[in-house]
Amino acid sequence: MSPITSTVAALFGLGGSELLIILLIVLLLFGGAKLPQLAKGLGESIREFKKAAKEEPEEKKSDDKKPTDGGGKN
């Protein structure tokens, strides 16, 4: 098994046979032609999520430096 597969298997407590069954079900549902597109979309989604998660603290830091109006109602 590849390191990624073993990590996912350990994370969810799945064995080799369970992973094989899941992969076969995915293959039946989406077909062989759609799998590369699904994998590409998943990779792009993960990349965007990591990018957004990395940028969030920087935005919070810049927001902290902005002057506030006191926050009270008139």
N, C-alpha and C. Protein backbone atom coordinates (compact mmCIF):
# COMPACT_ATOMS: atom_id res chain seq x y z
N MET A 1 0.83 -1.18 0.00
CA MET A 1 0.00 0.00 0.00
C MET A 1 0.88 1.25 0.00
N SER A 2 0.38 2.30 -0.65
CA SER A 2 1.13 3.56 -0.68
C SER A 2 0.98 4.26 0.68
N PRO A 3 1.87 5.20 0.98
CA PRO A 3 1.79 5.90 2.27
C PRO A 3 0.46 6.63 2.47
N ILE A 4 -0.08 7.20 1.41
CA ILE A 4 -1.35 7.91 1.53
C ILE A 4 -2.47 6.92 1.84
N THR A 5 -2.49 5.81 1.13
CA THR A 5 -3.53 4.81 1.36
C THR A 5 -3.44 4.25 2.76
N SER A 6 -2.23 3.98 3.23
CA SER A 6 -2.09 3.44 4.58
C SER A 6 -2.48 4.47 5.63
N THR A 7 -2.22 5.74 5.38
CA THR A 7 -2.62 6.79 6.31
C THR A 7 -4.14 6.90 6.38
N VAL A 8 -4.79 6.88 5.22
CA VAL A 8 -6.25 6.95 5.20
C VAL A 8 -6.84 5.70 5.85
N ALA A 9 -6.27 4.56 5.56
CA ALA A 9 -6.77 3.31 6.15
C ALA A 9 -6.62 3.33 7.66
N ALA A 10 -5.50 3.82 8.15
CA ALA A 10 -5.29 3.88 9.59
C ALA A 10 -6.21 4.92 10.23
N LEU A 11 -6.47 5.98 9.52
CA LEU A 11 -7.32 7.04 10.03
C LEU A 11 -8.75 6.56 10.22
N PHE A 12 -9.26 5.81 9.29
CA PHE A 12 -10.64 5.35 9.35
C PHE A 12 -10.77 3.89 9.79
N GLY A 13 -9.67 3.24 10.06
CA GLY A 13 -9.72 1.86 10.51
C GLY A 13 -10.13 0.89 9.42
N LEU A 14 -9.75 1.16 8.19
CA LEU A 14 -10.12 0.30 7.06
C LEU A 14 -8.97 -0.61 6.70
N GLY A 15 -9.32 -1.82 6.29
CA GLY A 15 -8.33 -2.76 5.82
C GLY A 15 -8.25 -2.73 4.30
N GLY A 16 -7.40 -3.55 3.75
CA GLY A 16 -7.23 -3.59 2.30
C GLY A 16 -8.48 -4.01 1.55
N SER A 17 -9.18 -5.00 2.08
CA SER A 17 -10.39 -5.47 1.39
C SER A 17 -11.49 -4.40 1.40
N GLU A 18 -11.61 -3.66 2.50
CA GLU A 18 -12.61 -2.61 2.57
C GLU A 18 -12.30 -1.50 1.58
N LEU A 19 -11.03 -1.12 1.48
CA LEU A 19 -10.64 -0.10 0.52
C LEU A 19 -10.90 -0.55 -0.91
N LEU A 20 -10.66 -1.81 -1.20
CA LEU A 20 -10.90 -2.35 -2.53
C LEU A 20 -12.39 -2.29 -2.88
N ILE A 21 -13.23 -2.65 -1.93
CA ILE A 21 -14.68 -2.60 -2.15
C ILE A 21 -15.13 -1.17 -2.40
N ILE A 22 -14.62 -0.23 -1.61
CA ILE A 22 -14.98 1.18 -1.80
C ILE A 22 -14.54 1.67 -3.17
N LEU A 23 -13.33 1.32 -3.58
CA LEU A 23 -12.84 1.73 -4.90
C LEU A 23 -13.68 1.14 -6.02
N LEU A 24 -14.12 -0.11 -5.87
CA LEU A 24 -14.98 -0.72 -6.88
C LEU A 24 -16.34 -0.04 -6.95
N ILE A 25 -16.90 0.33 -5.82
CA ILE A 25 -18.18 1.03 -5.81
C ILE A 25 -18.04 2.40 -6.48
N VAL A 26 -16.98 3.10 -6.18
CA VAL A 26 -16.74 4.40 -6.82
C VAL A 26 -16.59 4.22 -8.32
N LEU A 27 -15.88 3.21 -8.73
CA LEU A 27 -15.71 2.94 -10.15
C LEU A 27 -17.05 2.65 -10.83
N LEU A 28 -17.90 1.88 -10.17
CA LEU A 28 -19.22 1.58 -10.73
C LEU A 28 -20.11 2.82 -10.80
N LEU A 29 -20.04 3.66 -9.78
CA LEU A 29 -20.89 4.85 -9.75
C LEU A 29 -20.49 5.89 -10.79
N PHE A 30 -19.22 6.15 -10.92
CA PHE A 30 -18.76 7.25 -11.76
C PHE A 30 -18.18 6.81 -13.09
N GLY A 31 -17.79 5.58 -13.22
CA GLY A 31 -17.20 5.10 -14.46
C GLY A 31 -15.72 5.45 -14.55
N GLY A 32 -15.01 4.71 -15.36
CA GLY A 32 -13.56 4.90 -15.49
C GLY A 32 -13.17 6.22 -16.10
N ALA A 33 -14.01 6.78 -16.98
CA ALA A 33 -13.67 8.03 -17.64
C ALA A 33 -13.78 9.22 -16.70
N LYS A 34 -14.66 9.15 -15.73
CA LYS A 34 -14.87 10.28 -14.81
C LYS A 34 -13.87 10.33 -13.66
N LEU A 35 -13.25 9.21 -13.33
CA LEU A 35 -12.36 9.17 -12.17
C LEU A 35 -11.21 10.17 -12.25
N PRO A 36 -10.51 10.31 -13.37
CA PRO A 36 -9.45 11.32 -13.42
C PRO A 36 -9.96 12.73 -13.21
N GLN A 37 -11.14 13.04 -13.73
CA GLN A 37 -11.72 14.37 -13.53
C GLN A 37 -12.08 14.60 -12.07
N LEU A 38 -12.63 13.57 -11.43
CA LEU A 38 -12.96 13.67 -10.01
C LEU A 38 -11.71 13.87 -9.16
N ALA A 39 -10.67 13.14 -9.46
CA ALA A 39 -9.42 13.27 -8.72
C ALA A 39 -8.81 14.65 -8.90
N LYS A 40 -8.87 15.17 -10.12
CA LYS A 40 -8.34 16.51 -10.39
C LYS A 40 -9.13 17.56 -9.61
N GLY A 41 -10.46 17.45 -9.64
CA GLY A 41 -11.30 18.38 -8.90
C GLY A 41 -11.05 18.32 -7.40
N LEU A 42 -10.87 17.12 -6.88
CA LEU A 42 -10.58 16.95 -5.46
C LEU A 42 -9.24 17.58 -5.10
N GLY A 43 -8.24 17.38 -5.93
CA GLY A 43 -6.93 17.97 -5.70
C GLY A 43 -6.97 19.49 -5.71
N GLU A 44 -7.71 20.06 -6.66
CA GLU A 44 -7.84 21.52 -6.73
C GLU A 44 -8.58 22.05 -5.51
N SER A 45 -9.59 21.34 -5.07
CA SER A 45 -10.35 21.76 -3.89
C SER A 45 -9.47 21.77 -2.64
N ILE A 46 -8.68 20.73 -2.48
CA ILE A 46 -7.78 20.65 -1.33
C ILE A 46 -6.74 21.76 -1.39
N ARG A 47 -6.21 22.03 -2.57
CA ARG A 47 -5.22 23.10 -2.75
C ARG A 47 -5.82 24.45 -2.37
N GLU A 48 -7.04 24.74 -2.84
CA GLU A 48 -7.71 26.01 -2.52
C GLU A 48 -8.00 26.11 -1.03
N PHE A 49 -8.40 25.01 -0.41
CA PHE A 49 -8.68 25.02 1.02
C PHE A 49 -7.42 25.34 1.81
N LYS A 50 -6.32 24.71 1.45
CA LYS A 50 -5.06 24.97 2.15
C LYS A 50 -4.62 26.41 1.96
N LYS A 51 -4.81 26.94 0.75
CA LYS A 51 -4.45 28.32 0.46
C LYS A 51 -5.29 29.28 1.31
N ALA A 52 -6.59 29.02 1.39
CA ALA A 52 -7.48 29.87 2.18
C ALA A 52 -7.15 29.76 3.67
N ALA A 53 -6.84 28.58 4.13
CA ALA A 53 -6.52 28.39 5.54
C ALA A 53 -5.21 29.10 5.89
N LYS A 54 -4.29 29.15 4.96
CA LYS A 54 -3.01 29.81 5.20
C LYS A 54 -3.17 31.33 5.19
N GLU A 55 -4.06 31.86 4.35
CA GLU A 55 -4.24 33.30 4.24
C GLU A 55 -5.09 33.87 5.37
N GLU A 56 -5.93 33.08 6.00
CA GLU A 56 -6.85 33.58 7.02
C GLU A 56 -6.14 34.28 8.18
N PRO A 57 -5.10 33.70 8.78
CA PRO A 57 -4.44 34.41 9.89
C PRO A 57 -3.85 35.75 9.47
N GLU A 58 -3.38 35.87 8.24
CA GLU A 58 -2.83 37.14 7.78
C GLU A 58 -3.92 38.20 7.71
N GLU A 59 -5.12 37.84 7.29
CA GLU A 59 -6.23 38.78 7.22
C GLU A 59 -6.65 39.21 8.62
N LYS A 60 -6.66 38.29 9.55
CA LYS A 60 -7.04 38.63 10.92
C LYS A 60 -6.03 39.59 11.52
N LYS A 61 -4.75 39.39 11.23
CA LYS A 61 -3.72 40.28 11.76
C LYS A 61 -3.91 41.69 11.21
N SER A 62 -4.22 41.83 9.93
CA SER A 62 -4.41 43.15 9.35
C SER A 62 -5.69 43.79 9.88
N ASP A 63 -6.72 42.98 10.19
CA ASP A 63 -7.95 43.52 10.77
C ASP A 63 -7.72 44.03 12.18
N ASP A 64 -6.84 43.39 12.93
CA ASP A 64 -6.55 43.80 14.29
C ASP A 64 -5.90 45.18 14.34
N LYS A 65 -5.20 45.56 13.30
CA LYS A 65 -4.48 46.83 13.29
C LYS A 65 -5.37 48.00 12.90
N LYS A 66 -6.57 47.73 12.36
CA LYS A 66 -7.47 48.79 11.95
C LYS A 66 -8.06 49.47 13.19
N PRO A 67 -8.19 50.80 13.14
CA PRO A 67 -8.80 51.49 14.28
C PRO A 67 -10.29 51.18 14.36
N THR A 68 -10.78 51.10 15.58
CA THR A 68 -12.20 50.81 15.78
C THR A 68 -12.93 52.07 16.19
N ASP A 69 -14.23 52.07 16.06
CA ASP A 69 -15.03 53.23 16.42
C ASP A 69 -15.56 53.14 17.86
N GLY A 70 -15.07 52.24 18.62
CA GLY A 70 -15.49 52.09 20.01
C GLY A 70 -16.51 50.99 20.18
N GLY A 71 -17.20 50.62 19.13
CA GLY A 71 -18.14 49.51 19.17
C GLY A 71 -19.43 49.79 19.90
N GLY A 72 -19.66 51.01 20.41
CA GLY A 72 -20.88 51.32 21.13
C GLY A 72 -21.94 51.91 20.22
N LYS A 73 -23.19 51.73 20.63
CA LYS A 73 -24.29 52.32 19.86
C LYS A 73 -24.60 53.71 20.37
N ASN A 74 -25.01 54.59 19.51
CA ASN A 74 -25.35 55.96 19.89
C ASN A 74 -26.79 56.10 20.25
